[in-house]
Amino acid sequence: MGQTYINPTGTFAATSGDDLFIFDTTPADLVYLDAVEGGDRVVVEVVSAAPMSFRAEDIFDWGNFFGGARFEPYGPSIEFMNVEDVQFTGTAANDSFKLLIGTQTSAVVNFDGGPGVDYLEFDF
C-alpha cells in the first residue's frame, strides 16, 4: 500500500508502494518527484485558461514513464520519473501532448484534451 499526495510541492521521493499523485491546482514553483518503485499513478487535472503541455516518455524502454506537465507559456512545471500510470486532462486552451513508448512499455496513459484544438505527438 502506498501514499496519496495531493498537490505536492518541491522535490521528493515517494514510497516503494503504489503511490497516487494528484495535481488539481497550479503549483507555485517546480515540482519534481521520483515515484521510486511500485505501481504509481500521476493525475494532472488543473483548470486553467492558459494552455498546458504534457509529456509521458519511456525514454529508456524500462516500462515506466518519465514526463511532466508545464503551464504555458512560462509557468511552473511538474516533472516526474518512474511512474506506471499517467492521466492528463487538458485545459480549454490549445494544449499539447507527447507520448513516447518502447517495446518494454507496460505503463498506462490517458490523455483527455478537453475543449480546444490540441496537438498530439506519438512515437513508438
PDB file of N, CA and C in Angstrom:
ATOM      1  N   MET A   1       0.838  -1.169   0.000  1.00  0.00           N
ATOM      2  CA  MET A   1       0.000   0.000   0.000  1.00  0.00           C
ATOM      3  C   MET A   1       0.885   1.234   0.000  1.00  0.00           C
ATOM      4  N   GLY A   2       0.565   2.201  -0.825  1.00  0.00           N
ATOM      5  CA  GLY A   2       1.341   3.423  -0.917  1.00  0.00           C
ATOM      6  C   GLY A   2       0.627   4.596  -0.279  1.00  0.00           C
ATOM      7  N   GLN A   3       1.074   5.778  -0.669  1.00  0.00           N
ATOM      8  CA  GLN A   3       0.538   7.024  -0.140  1.00  0.00           C
ATOM      9  C   GLN A   3      -0.201   7.780  -1.239  1.00  0.00           C
ATOM     10  N   THR A   4      -1.090   8.684  -0.834  1.00  0.00           N
ATOM     11  CA  THR A   4      -1.736   9.613  -1.751  1.00  0.00           C
ATOM     12  C   THR A   4      -1.203  11.003  -1.450  1.00  0.00           C
ATOM     13  N   TYR A   5      -0.721  11.657  -2.495  1.00  0.00           N
ATOM     14  CA  TYR A   5      -0.179  13.009  -2.381  1.00  0.00           C
ATOM     15  C   TYR A   5      -1.068  13.939  -3.199  1.00  0.00           C
ATOM     16  N   ILE A   6      -1.597  14.989  -2.587  1.00  0.00           N
ATOM     17  CA  ILE A   6      -2.436  15.950  -3.301  1.00  0.00           C
ATOM     18  C   ILE A   6      -1.681  17.273  -3.367  1.00  0.00           C
ATOM     19  N   ASN A   7      -1.412  17.710  -4.601  1.00  0.00           N
ATOM     20  CA  ASN A   7      -0.661  18.937  -4.871  1.00  0.00           C
ATOM     21  C   ASN A   7       0.650  19.003  -4.095  1.00  0.00           C
ATOM     22  N   PRO A   8       1.480  17.965  -4.213  1.00  0.00           N
ATOM     23  CA  PRO A   8       2.768  18.008  -3.518  1.00  0.00           C
ATOM     24  C   PRO A   8       3.643  19.124  -4.094  1.00  0.00           C
ATOM     25  N   THR A   9       4.591  19.589  -3.298  1.00  0.00           N
ATOM     26  CA  THR A   9       5.481  20.670  -3.711  1.00  0.00           C
ATOM     27  C   THR A   9       6.932  20.254  -3.541  1.00  0.00           C
ATOM     28  N   GLY A  10       7.814  20.967  -4.214  1.00  0.00           N
ATOM     29  CA  GLY A  10       9.241  20.748  -4.040  1.00  0.00           C
ATOM     30  C   GLY A  10       9.748  19.502  -4.741  1.00  0.00           C
ATOM     31  N   THR A  11      10.826  18.961  -4.221  1.00  0.00           N
ATOM     32  CA  THR A  11      11.499  17.781  -4.762  1.00  0.00           C
ATOM     33  C   THR A  11      11.439  16.689  -3.715  1.00  0.00           C
ATOM     34  N   PHE A  12      10.979  15.502  -4.118  1.00  0.00           N
ATOM     35  CA  PHE A  12      10.902  14.426  -3.142  1.00  0.00           C
ATOM     36  C   PHE A  12      10.833  13.067  -3.814  1.00  0.00           C
ATOM     37  N   ALA A  13      11.089  12.045  -3.038  1.00  0.00           N
ATOM     38  CA  ALA A  13      10.937  10.658  -3.461  1.00  0.00           C
ATOM     39  C   ALA A  13       9.771  10.068  -2.685  1.00  0.00           C
ATOM     40  N   ALA A  14       8.961   9.284  -3.386  1.00  0.00           N
ATOM     41  CA  ALA A  14       7.770   8.683  -2.782  1.00  0.00           C
ATOM     42  C   ALA A  14       8.139   7.374  -2.080  1.00  0.00           C
ATOM     43  N   THR A  15       7.120   6.603  -1.734  1.00  0.00           N
ATOM     44  CA  THR A  15       7.344   5.322  -1.077  1.00  0.00           C
ATOM     45  C   THR A  15       7.576   4.238  -2.126  1.00  0.00           C
ATOM     46  N   SER A  16       7.907   3.049  -1.696  1.00  0.00           N
ATOM     47  CA  SER A  16       8.088   1.934  -2.628  1.00  0.00           C
ATOM     48  C   SER A  16       6.755   1.244  -2.921  1.00  0.00           C
ATOM     49  N   GLY A  17       5.655   1.743  -2.358  1.00  0.00           N
ATOM     50  CA  GLY A  17       4.330   1.182  -2.605  1.00  0.00           C
ATOM     51  C   GLY A  17       3.682   1.794  -3.832  1.00  0.00           C
ATOM     52  N   ASP A  18       2.399   1.539  -4.007  1.00  0.00           N
ATOM     53  CA  ASP A  18       1.624   2.059  -5.132  1.00  0.00           C
ATOM     54  C   ASP A  18       1.095   3.440  -4.768  1.00  0.00           C
ATOM     55  N   ASP A  19       1.844   4.470  -5.135  1.00  0.00           N
ATOM     56  CA  ASP A  19       1.512   5.838  -4.750  1.00  0.00           C
ATOM     57  C   ASP A  19       0.631   6.518  -5.792  1.00  0.00           C
ATOM     58  N   LEU A  20      -0.155   7.495  -5.336  1.00  0.00           N
ATOM     59  CA  LEU A  20      -1.023   8.295  -6.188  1.00  0.00           C
ATOM     60  C   LEU A  20      -0.679   9.763  -5.976  1.00  0.00           C
ATOM     61  N   PHE A  21      -0.410  10.474  -7.087  1.00  0.00           N
ATOM     62  CA  PHE A  21      -0.088  11.897  -7.055  1.00  0.00           C
ATOM     63  C   PHE A  21      -1.180  12.637  -7.811  1.00  0.00           C
ATOM     64  N   ILE A  22      -1.875  13.545  -7.146  1.00  0.00           N
ATOM     65  CA  ILE A  22      -2.961  14.299  -7.768  1.00  0.00           C
ATOM     66  C   ILE A  22      -2.590  15.779  -7.773  1.00  0.00           C
ATOM     67  N   PHE A  23      -2.645  16.379  -8.957  1.00  0.00           N
ATOM     68  CA  PHE A  23      -2.419  17.811  -9.108  1.00  0.00           C
ATOM     69  C   PHE A  23      -3.696  18.423  -9.658  1.00  0.00           C
ATOM     70  N   ASP A  24      -4.359  19.270  -8.854  1.00  0.00           N
ATOM     71  CA  ASP A  24      -5.575  19.924  -9.323  1.00  0.00           C
ATOM     72  C   ASP A  24      -5.500  21.443  -9.179  1.00  0.00           C
ATOM     73  N   THR A  25      -4.325  21.958  -8.806  1.00  0.00           N
ATOM     74  CA  THR A  25      -4.067  23.397  -8.786  1.00  0.00           C
ATOM     75  C   THR A  25      -2.691  23.643  -9.389  1.00  0.00           C
ATOM     76  N   THR A  26      -2.488  24.841  -9.903  1.00  0.00           N
ATOM     77  CA  THR A  26      -1.196  25.202 -10.482  1.00  0.00           C
ATOM     78  C   THR A  26      -0.175  25.369  -9.364  1.00  0.00           C
ATOM     79  N   PRO A  27       0.952  24.661  -9.446  1.00  0.00           N
ATOM     80  CA  PRO A  27       1.964  24.825  -8.394  1.00  0.00           C
ATOM     81  C   PRO A  27       2.641  26.190  -8.492  1.00  0.00           C
ATOM     82  N   ALA A  28       3.157  26.672  -7.380  1.00  0.00           N
ATOM     83  CA  ALA A  28       3.837  27.970  -7.350  1.00  0.00           C
ATOM     84  C   ALA A  28       5.227  27.870  -7.977  1.00  0.00           C
ATOM     85  N   ASP A  29       5.866  26.730  -7.852  1.00  0.00           N
ATOM     86  CA  ASP A  29       7.222  26.515  -8.352  1.00  0.00           C
ATOM     87  C   ASP A  29       7.320  25.127  -8.966  1.00  0.00           C
ATOM     88  N   LEU A  30       8.506  24.798  -9.433  1.00  0.00           N
ATOM     89  CA  LEU A  30       8.791  23.480  -9.990  1.00  0.00           C
ATOM     90  C   LEU A  30       8.504  22.391  -8.956  1.00  0.00           C
ATOM     91  N   VAL A  31       7.841  21.336  -9.404  1.00  0.00           N
ATOM     92  CA  VAL A  31       7.642  20.136  -8.586  1.00  0.00           C
ATOM     93  C   VAL A  31       8.380  19.007  -9.286  1.00  0.00           C
ATOM     94  N   TYR A  32       9.236  18.301  -8.553  1.00  0.00           N
ATOM     95  CA  TYR A  32       9.971  17.179  -9.130  1.00  0.00           C
ATOM     96  C   TYR A  32       9.790  15.976  -8.223  1.00  0.00           C
ATOM     97  N   LEU A  33       9.237  14.905  -8.773  1.00  0.00           N
ATOM     98  CA  LEU A  33       9.013  13.737  -7.939  1.00  0.00           C
ATOM     99  C   LEU A  33       9.579  12.476  -8.578  1.00  0.00           C
ATOM    100  N   ASP A  34      10.120  11.633  -7.719  1.00  0.00           N
ATOM    101  CA  ASP A  34      10.588  10.308  -8.102  1.00  0.00           C
ATOM    102  C   ASP A  34       9.635   9.330  -7.435  1.00  0.00           C
ATOM    103  N   ALA A  35       8.847   8.622  -8.267  1.00  0.00           N
ATOM    104  CA  ALA A  35       7.845   7.702  -7.723  1.00  0.00           C
ATOM    105  C   ALA A  35       8.479   6.420  -7.180  1.00  0.00           C
ATOM    106  N   VAL A  36       9.740   6.213  -7.402  1.00  0.00           N
ATOM    107  CA  VAL A  36      10.532   5.092  -6.904  1.00  0.00           C
ATOM    108  C   VAL A  36       9.964   3.782  -7.445  1.00  0.00           C
ATOM    109  N   GLU A  37       9.505   2.892  -6.595  1.00  0.00           N
ATOM    110  CA  GLU A  37       9.015   1.573  -7.011  1.00  0.00           C
ATOM    111  C   GLU A  37       7.504   1.486  -6.829  1.00  0.00           C
ATOM    112  N   GLY A  38       6.942   0.375  -7.243  1.00  0.00           N
ATOM    113  CA  GLY A  38       5.503   0.155  -7.100  1.00  0.00           C
ATOM    114  C   GLY A  38       4.775   0.528  -8.368  1.00  0.00           C
ATOM    115  N   GLY A  39       3.457   0.488  -8.320  1.00  0.00           N
ATOM    116  CA  GLY A  39       2.601   0.857  -9.443  1.00  0.00           C
ATOM    117  C   GLY A  39       2.052   2.249  -9.213  1.00  0.00           C
ATOM    118  N   ASP A  40       2.819   3.251  -9.560  1.00  0.00           N
ATOM    119  CA  ASP A  40       2.497   4.635  -9.209  1.00  0.00           C
ATOM    120  C   ASP A  40       1.696   5.334 -10.306  1.00  0.00           C
ATOM    121  N   ARG A  41       0.852   6.282  -9.879  1.00  0.00           N
ATOM    122  CA  ARG A  41      -0.036   6.987 -10.808  1.00  0.00           C
ATOM    123  C   ARG A  41       0.057   8.491 -10.576  1.00  0.00           C
ATOM    124  N   VAL A  42       0.133   9.258 -11.687  1.00  0.00           N
ATOM    125  CA  VAL A  42       0.111  10.717 -11.647  1.00  0.00           C
ATOM    126  C   VAL A  42      -1.135  11.192 -12.372  1.00  0.00           C
ATOM    127  N   VAL A  43      -1.910  12.049 -11.712  1.00  0.00           N
ATOM    128  CA  VAL A  43      -3.108  12.639 -12.300  1.00  0.00           C
ATOM    129  C   VAL A  43      -2.913  14.156 -12.303  1.00  0.00           C
ATOM    130  N   VAL A  44      -2.971  14.763 -13.503  1.00  0.00           N
ATOM    131  CA  VAL A  44      -2.888  16.217 -13.625  1.00  0.00           C
ATOM    132  C   VAL A  44      -4.190  16.691 -14.252  1.00  0.00           C
ATOM    133  N   GLU A  45      -4.972  17.419 -13.472  1.00  0.00           N
ATOM    134  CA  GLU A  45      -6.292  17.889 -13.903  1.00  0.00           C
ATOM    135  C   GLU A  45      -6.511  19.278 -13.316  1.00  0.00           C
ATOM    136  N   VAL A  46      -5.865  20.271 -13.933  1.00  0.00           N
ATOM    137  CA  VAL A  46      -5.876  21.640 -13.435  1.00  0.00           C
ATOM    138  C   VAL A  46      -6.753  22.494 -14.338  1.00  0.00           C
ATOM    139  N   VAL A  47      -7.662  23.253 -13.747  1.00  0.00           N
ATOM    140  CA  VAL A  47      -8.482  24.187 -14.513  1.00  0.00           C
ATOM    141  C   VAL A  47      -7.630  25.423 -14.769  1.00  0.00           C
ATOM    142  N   SER A  48      -7.404  25.726 -16.053  1.00  0.00           N
ATOM    143  CA  SER A  48      -6.545  26.845 -16.409  1.00  0.00           C
ATOM    144  C   SER A  48      -7.015  27.457 -17.718  1.00  0.00           C
ATOM    145  N   ALA A  49      -6.918  28.779 -17.834  1.00  0.00           N
ATOM    146  CA  ALA A  49      -7.246  29.453 -19.093  1.00  0.00           C
ATOM    147  C   ALA A  49      -6.073  29.389 -20.053  1.00  0.00           C
ATOM    148  N   ALA A  50      -4.882  29.181 -19.528  1.00  0.00           N
ATOM    149  CA  ALA A  50      -3.677  29.100 -20.352  1.00  0.00           C
ATOM    150  C   ALA A  50      -3.463  27.665 -20.834  1.00  0.00           C
ATOM    151  N   PRO A  51      -2.834  27.494 -21.981  1.00  0.00           N
ATOM    152  CA  PRO A  51      -2.560  26.142 -22.468  1.00  0.00           C
ATOM    153  C   PRO A  51      -1.510  25.440 -21.605  1.00  0.00           C
ATOM    154  N   MET A  52      -1.510  24.117 -21.695  1.00  0.00           N
ATOM    155  CA  MET A  52      -0.524  23.298 -20.994  1.00  0.00           C
ATOM    156  C   MET A  52       0.131  22.358 -21.997  1.00  0.00           C
ATOM    157  N   SER A  53       1.340  21.932 -21.663  1.00  0.00           N
ATOM    158  CA  SER A  53       1.993  20.881 -22.451  1.00  0.00           C
ATOM    159  C   SER A  53       2.282  19.713 -21.519  1.00  0.00           C
ATOM    160  N   PHE A  54       1.975  18.536 -22.017  1.00  0.00           N
ATOM    161  CA  PHE A  54       2.108  17.307 -21.235  1.00  0.00           C
ATOM    162  C   PHE A  54       3.028  16.346 -21.984  1.00  0.00           C
ATOM    163  N   ARG A  55       3.803  15.582 -21.246  1.00  0.00           N
ATOM    164  CA  ARG A  55       4.589  14.535 -21.896  1.00  0.00           C
ATOM    165  C   ARG A  55       4.746  13.330 -20.976  1.00  0.00           C
ATOM    166  N   ALA A  56       4.689  12.164 -21.596  1.00  0.00           N
ATOM    167  CA  ALA A  56       4.933  10.890 -20.913  1.00  0.00           C
ATOM    168  C   ALA A  56       5.842  10.089 -21.837  1.00  0.00           C
ATOM    169  N   GLU A  57       7.051   9.794 -21.372  1.00  0.00           N
ATOM    170  CA  GLU A  57       8.050   9.181 -22.229  1.00  0.00           C
ATOM    171  C   GLU A  57       8.730   8.006 -21.524  1.00  0.00           C
ATOM    172  N   ASP A  58       8.732   6.872 -22.194  1.00  0.00           N
ATOM    173  CA  ASP A  58       9.513   5.721 -21.726  1.00  0.00           C
ATOM    174  C   ASP A  58      10.851   5.787 -22.478  1.00  0.00           C
ATOM    175  N   ILE A  59      11.655   6.785 -22.135  1.00  0.00           N
ATOM    176  CA  ILE A  59      12.848   7.098 -22.926  1.00  0.00           C
ATOM    177  C   ILE A  59      13.935   6.038 -22.842  1.00  0.00           C
ATOM    178  N   PHE A  60      13.952   5.236 -21.788  1.00  0.00           N
ATOM    179  CA  PHE A  60      14.957   4.197 -21.654  1.00  0.00           C
ATOM    180  C   PHE A  60      14.400   2.811 -21.954  1.00  0.00           C
ATOM    181  N   ASP A  61      13.104   2.741 -22.355  1.00  0.00           N
ATOM    182  CA  ASP A  61      12.430   1.476 -22.630  1.00  0.00           C
ATOM    183  C   ASP A  61      12.482   0.553 -21.412  1.00  0.00           C
ATOM    184  N   TRP A  62      12.212   1.150 -20.238  1.00  0.00           N
ATOM    185  CA  TRP A  62      12.215   0.406 -18.981  1.00  0.00           C
ATOM    186  C   TRP A  62      10.823  -0.063 -18.583  1.00  0.00           C
ATOM    187  N   GLY A  63       9.792   0.422 -19.266  1.00  0.00           N
ATOM    188  CA  GLY A  63       8.433   0.024 -18.920  1.00  0.00           C
ATOM    189  C   GLY A  63       7.706   1.008 -18.031  1.00  0.00           C
ATOM    190  N   ASN A  64       8.329   2.143 -17.704  1.00  0.00           N
ATOM    191  CA  ASN A  64       7.647   3.174 -16.924  1.00  0.00           C
ATOM    192  C   ASN A  64       7.967   4.541 -17.525  1.00  0.00           C
ATOM    193  N   PHE A  65       7.265   5.565 -17.045  1.00  0.00           N
ATOM    194  CA  PHE A  65       7.353   6.878 -17.665  1.00  0.00           C
ATOM    195  C   PHE A  65       8.180   7.885 -16.874  1.00  0.00           C
ATOM    196  N   PHE A  66       8.868   8.699 -17.639  1.00  0.00           N
ATOM    197  CA  PHE A  66       9.412   9.970 -17.200  1.00  0.00           C
ATOM    198  C   PHE A  66       8.532  11.002 -17.892  1.00  0.00           C
ATOM    199  N   GLY A  67       8.332  12.147 -17.321  1.00  0.00           N
ATOM    200  CA  GLY A  67       7.491  13.109 -18.019  1.00  0.00           C
ATOM    201  C   GLY A  67       7.210  14.334 -17.199  1.00  0.00           C
ATOM    202  N   GLY A  68       6.158  15.029 -17.636  1.00  0.00           N
ATOM    203  CA  GLY A  68       5.810  16.232 -16.920  1.00  0.00           C
ATOM    204  C   GLY A  68       4.642  16.973 -17.520  1.00  0.00           C
ATOM    205  N   ALA A  69       4.288  18.041 -16.857  1.00  0.00           N
ATOM    206  CA  ALA A  69       3.233  18.951 -17.292  1.00  0.00           C
ATOM    207  C   ALA A  69       3.741  20.362 -17.055  1.00  0.00           C
ATOM    208  N   ARG A  70       3.687  21.178 -18.096  1.00  0.00           N
ATOM    209  CA  ARG A  70       4.143  22.564 -17.989  1.00  0.00           C
ATOM    210  C   ARG A  70       2.979  23.502 -18.229  1.00  0.00           C
ATOM    211  N   PHE A  71       2.906  24.517 -17.404  1.00  0.00           N
ATOM    212  CA  PHE A  71       1.886  25.538 -17.520  1.00  0.00           C
ATOM    213  C   PHE A  71       2.454  26.639 -18.411  1.00  0.00           C
ATOM    214  N   GLU A  72       1.905  26.780 -19.607  1.00  0.00           N
ATOM    215  CA  GLU A  72       2.461  27.669 -20.623  1.00  0.00           C
ATOM    216  C   GLU A  72       2.000  29.108 -20.413  1.00  0.00           C
ATOM    217  N   PRO A  73       2.726  30.073 -20.957  1.00  0.00           N
ATOM    218  CA  PRO A  73       3.933  29.852 -21.736  1.00  0.00           C
ATOM    219  C   PRO A  73       5.188  29.714 -20.880  1.00  0.00           C
ATOM    220  N   TYR A  74       5.231  30.338 -19.707  1.00  0.00           N
ATOM    221  CA  TYR A  74       6.454  30.277 -18.896  1.00  0.00           C
ATOM    222  C   TYR A  74       6.162  29.926 -17.448  1.00  0.00           C
ATOM    223  N   GLY A  75       5.114  29.184 -17.237  1.00  0.00           N
ATOM    224  CA  GLY A  75       4.719  28.854 -15.876  1.00  0.00           C
ATOM    225  C   GLY A  75       5.545  27.734 -15.271  1.00  0.00           C
ATOM    226  N   PRO A  76       5.220  27.370 -14.058  1.00  0.00           N
ATOM    227  CA  PRO A  76       5.926  26.277 -13.382  1.00  0.00           C
ATOM    228  C   PRO A  76       5.616  24.941 -14.041  1.00  0.00           C
ATOM    229  N   SER A  77       6.376  23.933 -13.671  1.00  0.00           N
ATOM    230  CA  SER A  77       6.139  22.612 -14.248  1.00  0.00           C
ATOM    231  C   SER A  77       6.150  21.547 -13.165  1.00  0.00           C
ATOM    232  N   ILE A  78       5.549  20.426 -13.520  1.00  0.00           N
ATOM    233  CA  ILE A  78       5.553  19.222 -12.698  1.00  0.00           C
ATOM    234  C   ILE A  78       6.379  18.206 -13.472  1.00  0.00           C
ATOM    235  N   GLU A  79       7.436  17.712 -12.888  1.00  0.00           N
ATOM    236  CA  GLU A  79       8.301  16.727 -13.539  1.00  0.00           C
ATOM    237  C   GLU A  79       8.278  15.449 -12.701  1.00  0.00           C
ATOM    238  N   PHE A  80       8.281  14.297 -13.368  1.00  0.00           N
ATOM    239  CA  PHE A  80       8.240  13.037 -12.627  1.00  0.00           C
ATOM    240  C   PHE A  80       9.056  11.964 -13.320  1.00  0.00           C
ATOM    241  N   MET A  81       9.371  10.932 -12.548  1.00  0.00           N
ATOM    242  CA  MET A  81      10.058   9.757 -13.096  1.00  0.00           C
ATOM    243  C   MET A  81       9.578   8.509 -12.379  1.00  0.00           C
ATOM    244  N   ASN A  82       9.695   7.363 -13.061  1.00  0.00           N
ATOM    245  CA  ASN A  82       9.326   6.048 -12.514  1.00  0.00           C
ATOM    246  C   ASN A  82       7.838   5.921 -12.220  1.00  0.00           C
ATOM    247  N   VAL A  83       7.007   6.399 -13.136  1.00  0.00           N
ATOM    248  CA  VAL A  83       5.552   6.343 -12.985  1.00  0.00           C
ATOM    249  C   VAL A  83       4.980   5.356 -13.988  1.00  0.00           C
ATOM    250  N   GLU A  84       4.039   4.533 -13.551  1.00  0.00           N
ATOM    251  CA  GLU A  84       3.462   3.497 -14.412  1.00  0.00           C
ATOM    252  C   GLU A  84       2.081   3.833 -14.958  1.00  0.00           C
ATOM    253  N   ASP A  85       1.437   4.848 -14.458  1.00  0.00           N
ATOM    254  CA  ASP A  85       0.079   5.199 -14.873  1.00  0.00           C
ATOM    255  C   ASP A  85      -0.042   6.718 -14.877  1.00  0.00           C
ATOM    256  N   VAL A  86      -0.313   7.285 -16.051  1.00  0.00           N
ATOM    257  CA  VAL A  86      -0.367   8.734 -16.208  1.00  0.00           C
ATOM    258  C   VAL A  86      -1.732   9.133 -16.735  1.00  0.00           C
ATOM    259  N   GLN A  87      -2.338  10.132 -16.097  1.00  0.00           N
ATOM    260  CA  GLN A  87      -3.616  10.671 -16.564  1.00  0.00           C
ATOM    261  C   GLN A  87      -3.488  12.187 -16.641  1.00  0.00           C
ATOM    262  N   PHE A  88      -3.588  12.722 -17.874  1.00  0.00           N
ATOM    263  CA  PHE A  88      -3.513  14.160 -18.108  1.00  0.00           C
ATOM    264  C   PHE A  88      -4.838  14.637 -18.666  1.00  0.00           C
ATOM    265  N   THR A  89      -5.392  15.695 -18.102  1.00  0.00           N
ATOM    266  CA  THR A  89      -6.583  16.334 -18.646  1.00  0.00           C
ATOM    267  C   THR A  89      -6.208  17.749 -19.044  1.00  0.00           C
ATOM    268  N   GLY A  90      -6.454  18.070 -20.312  1.00  0.00           N
ATOM    269  CA  GLY A  90      -6.099  19.373 -20.844  1.00  0.00           C
ATOM    270  C   GLY A  90      -7.031  20.470 -20.384  1.00  0.00           C
ATOM    271  N   THR A  91      -6.711  21.681 -20.825  1.00  0.00           N
ATOM    272  CA  THR A  91      -7.474  22.870 -20.465  1.00  0.00           C
ATOM    273  C   THR A  91      -8.406  23.247 -21.613  1.00  0.00           C
ATOM    274  N   ALA A  92      -9.091  24.371 -21.470  1.00  0.00           N
ATOM    275  CA  ALA A  92      -9.957  24.872 -22.541  1.00  0.00           C
ATOM    276  C   ALA A  92      -9.141  25.501 -23.666  1.00  0.00           C
ATOM    277  N   ALA A  93      -7.849  25.691 -23.447  1.00  0.00           N
ATOM    278  CA  ALA A  93      -6.953  26.268 -24.451  1.00  0.00           C
ATOM    279  C   ALA A  93      -6.394  25.160 -25.360  1.00  0.00           C
ATOM    280  N   ASN A  94      -5.474  25.526 -26.225  1.00  0.00           N
ATOM    281  CA  ASN A  94      -4.861  24.576 -27.163  1.00  0.00           C
ATOM    282  C   ASN A  94      -3.642  23.933 -26.513  1.00  0.00           C
ATOM    283  N   ASP A  95      -3.807  22.726 -26.018  1.00  0.00           N
ATOM    284  CA  ASP A  95      -2.766  22.008 -25.284  1.00  0.00           C
ATOM    285  C   ASP A  95      -1.960  21.108 -26.223  1.00  0.00           C
ATOM    286  N   SER A  96      -0.809  20.663 -25.730  1.00  0.00           N
ATOM    287  CA  SER A  96      -0.009  19.702 -26.495  1.00  0.00           C
ATOM    288  C   SER A  96       0.314  18.496 -25.618  1.00  0.00           C
ATOM    289  N   PHE A  97       0.316  17.334 -26.264  1.00  0.00           N
ATOM    290  CA  PHE A  97       0.576  16.063 -25.588  1.00  0.00           C
ATOM    291  C   PHE A  97       1.658  15.318 -26.358  1.00  0.00           C
ATOM    292  N   LYS A  98       2.629  14.772 -25.637  1.00  0.00           N
ATOM    293  CA  LYS A  98       3.680  13.972 -26.262  1.00  0.00           C
ATOM    294  C   LYS A  98       3.734  12.621 -25.556  1.00  0.00           C
ATOM    295  N   LEU A  99       3.705  11.561 -26.344  1.00  0.00           N
ATOM    296  CA  LEU A  99       3.777  10.204 -25.811  1.00  0.00           C
ATOM    297  C   LEU A  99       4.859   9.439 -26.552  1.00  0.00           C
ATOM    298  N   LEU A 100       5.805   8.871 -25.810  1.00  0.00           N
ATOM    299  CA  LEU A 100       6.870   8.046 -26.364  1.00  0.00           C
ATOM    300  C   LEU A 100       6.852   6.717 -25.632  1.00  0.00           C
ATOM    301  N   ILE A 101       6.636   5.646 -26.371  1.00  0.00           N
ATOM    302  CA  ILE A 101       6.649   4.315 -25.762  1.00  0.00           C
ATOM    303  C   ILE A 101       7.684   3.453 -26.461  1.00  0.00           C
ATOM    304  N   GLY A 102       8.156   2.439 -25.756  1.00  0.00           N
ATOM    305  CA  GLY A 102       9.124   1.496 -26.299  1.00  0.00           C
ATOM    306  C   GLY A 102       8.553   0.093 -26.295  1.00  0.00           C
ATOM    307  N   THR A 103       9.375  -0.858 -26.666  1.00  0.00           N
ATOM    308  CA  THR A 103       8.927  -2.249 -26.749  1.00  0.00           C
ATOM    309  C   THR A 103       8.631  -2.840 -25.372  1.00  0.00           C
ATOM    310  N   GLN A 104       9.236  -2.293 -24.319  1.00  0.00           N
ATOM    311  CA  GLN A 104       9.023  -2.797 -22.958  1.00  0.00           C
ATOM    312  C   GLN A 104       7.958  -2.022 -22.188  1.00  0.00           C
ATOM    313  N   THR A 105       7.363  -1.005 -22.796  1.00  0.00           N
ATOM    314  CA  THR A 105       6.404  -0.167 -22.086  1.00  0.00           C
ATOM    315  C   THR A 105       5.163  -0.957 -21.708  1.00  0.00           C
ATOM    316  N   SER A 106       4.925  -1.029 -20.416  1.00  0.00           N
ATOM    317  CA  SER A 106       3.704  -1.667 -19.920  1.00  0.00           C
ATOM    318  C   SER A 106       2.867  -0.650 -19.151  1.00  0.00           C
ATOM    319  N   ALA A 107       3.335   0.581 -19.132  1.00  0.00           N
ATOM    320  CA  ALA A 107       2.659   1.644 -18.400  1.00  0.00           C
ATOM    321  C   ALA A 107       1.366   2.046 -19.104  1.00  0.00           C
ATOM    322  N   VAL A 108       0.493   2.700 -18.347  1.00  0.00           N
ATOM    323  CA  VAL A 108      -0.809   3.126 -18.851  1.00  0.00           C
ATOM    324  C   VAL A 108      -0.810   4.644 -18.975  1.00  0.00           C
ATOM    325  N   VAL A 109      -1.404   5.147 -20.064  1.00  0.00           N
ATOM    326  CA  VAL A 109      -1.521   6.592 -20.231  1.00  0.00           C
ATOM    327  C   VAL A 109      -2.923   6.936 -20.693  1.00  0.00           C
ATOM    328  N   ASN A 110      -3.464   8.038 -20.163  1.00  0.00           N
ATOM    329  CA  ASN A 110      -4.788   8.514 -20.542  1.00  0.00           C
ATOM    330  C   ASN A 110      -4.683  10.018 -20.764  1.00  0.00           C
ATOM    331  N   PHE A 111      -4.851  10.446 -22.020  1.00  0.00           N
ATOM    332  CA  PHE A 111      -4.850  11.866 -22.355  1.00  0.00           C
ATOM    333  C   PHE A 111      -6.277  12.278 -22.686  1.00  0.00           C
ATOM    334  N   ASP A 112      -6.748  13.349 -22.062  1.00  0.00           N
ATOM    335  CA  ASP A 112      -8.044  13.948 -22.399  1.00  0.00           C
ATOM    336  C   ASP A 112      -7.760  15.403 -22.717  1.00  0.00           C
ATOM    337  N   GLY A 113      -7.885  15.760 -23.992  1.00  0.00           N
ATOM    338  CA  GLY A 113      -7.544  17.111 -24.412  1.00  0.00           C
ATOM    339  C   GLY A 113      -8.477  18.181 -23.905  1.00  0.00           C
ATOM    340  N   GLY A 114      -9.673  17.814 -23.528  1.00  0.00           N
ATOM    341  CA  GLY A 114     -10.637  18.824 -23.117  1.00  0.00           C
ATOM    342  C   GLY A 114     -11.011  19.695 -24.309  1.00  0.00           C
ATOM    343  N   PRO A 115     -11.674  20.821 -24.066  1.00  0.00           N
ATOM    344  CA  PRO A 115     -12.004  21.725 -25.180  1.00  0.00           C
ATOM    345  C   PRO A 115     -10.723  22.321 -25.767  1.00  0.00           C
ATOM    346  N   GLY A 116     -10.838  22.897 -26.933  1.00  0.00           N
ATOM    347  CA  GLY A 116      -9.675  23.500 -27.577  1.00  0.00           C
ATOM    348  C   GLY A 116      -9.187  22.626 -28.717  1.00  0.00           C
ATOM    349  N   VAL A 117      -8.243  23.152 -29.449  1.00  0.00           N
ATOM    350  CA  VAL A 117      -7.627  22.415 -30.555  1.00  0.00           C
ATOM    351  C   VAL A 117      -6.264  21.954 -30.053  1.00  0.00           C
ATOM    352  N   ASP A 118      -6.133  20.671 -29.793  1.00  0.00           N
ATOM    353  CA  ASP A 118      -4.940  20.131 -29.148  1.00  0.00           C
ATOM    354  C   ASP A 118      -4.024  19.446 -30.151  1.00  0.00           C
ATOM    355  N   TYR A 119      -2.786  19.249 -29.733  1.00  0.00           N
ATOM    356  CA  TYR A 119      -1.751  18.631 -30.561  1.00  0.00           C
ATOM    357  C   TYR A 119      -1.266  17.368 -29.870  1.00  0.00           C
ATOM    358  N   LEU A 120      -1.140  16.276 -30.629  1.00  0.00           N
ATOM    359  CA  LEU A 120      -0.636  15.010 -30.102  1.00  0.00           C
ATOM    360  C   LEU A 120       0.567  14.575 -30.913  1.00  0.00           C
ATOM    361  N   GLU A 121       1.670  14.302 -30.218  1.00  0.00           N
ATOM    362  CA  GLU A 121       2.862  13.704 -30.848  1.00  0.00           C
ATOM    363  C   GLU A 121       3.031  12.318 -30.247  1.00  0.00           C
ATOM    364  N   PHE A 122       3.041  11.297 -31.102  1.00  0.00           N
ATOM    365  CA  PHE A 122       3.111   9.908 -30.637  1.00  0.00           C
ATOM    366  C   PHE A 122       4.272   9.222 -31.333  1.00  0.00           C
ATOM    367  N   ASP A 123       5.180   8.670 -30.547  1.00  0.00           N
ATOM    368  CA  ASP A 123       6.360   7.998 -31.087  1.00  0.00           C
ATOM    369  C   ASP A 123       6.478   6.628 -30.425  1.00  0.00           C
ATOM    370  N   PHE A 124       6.627   5.610 -31.256  1.00  0.00           N
ATOM    371  CA  PHE A 124       6.788   4.250 -30.712  1.00  0.00           C
ATOM    372  C   PHE A 124       7.767   3.466 -31.526  1.00  0.00           C
TER     373      PHE A 124
END
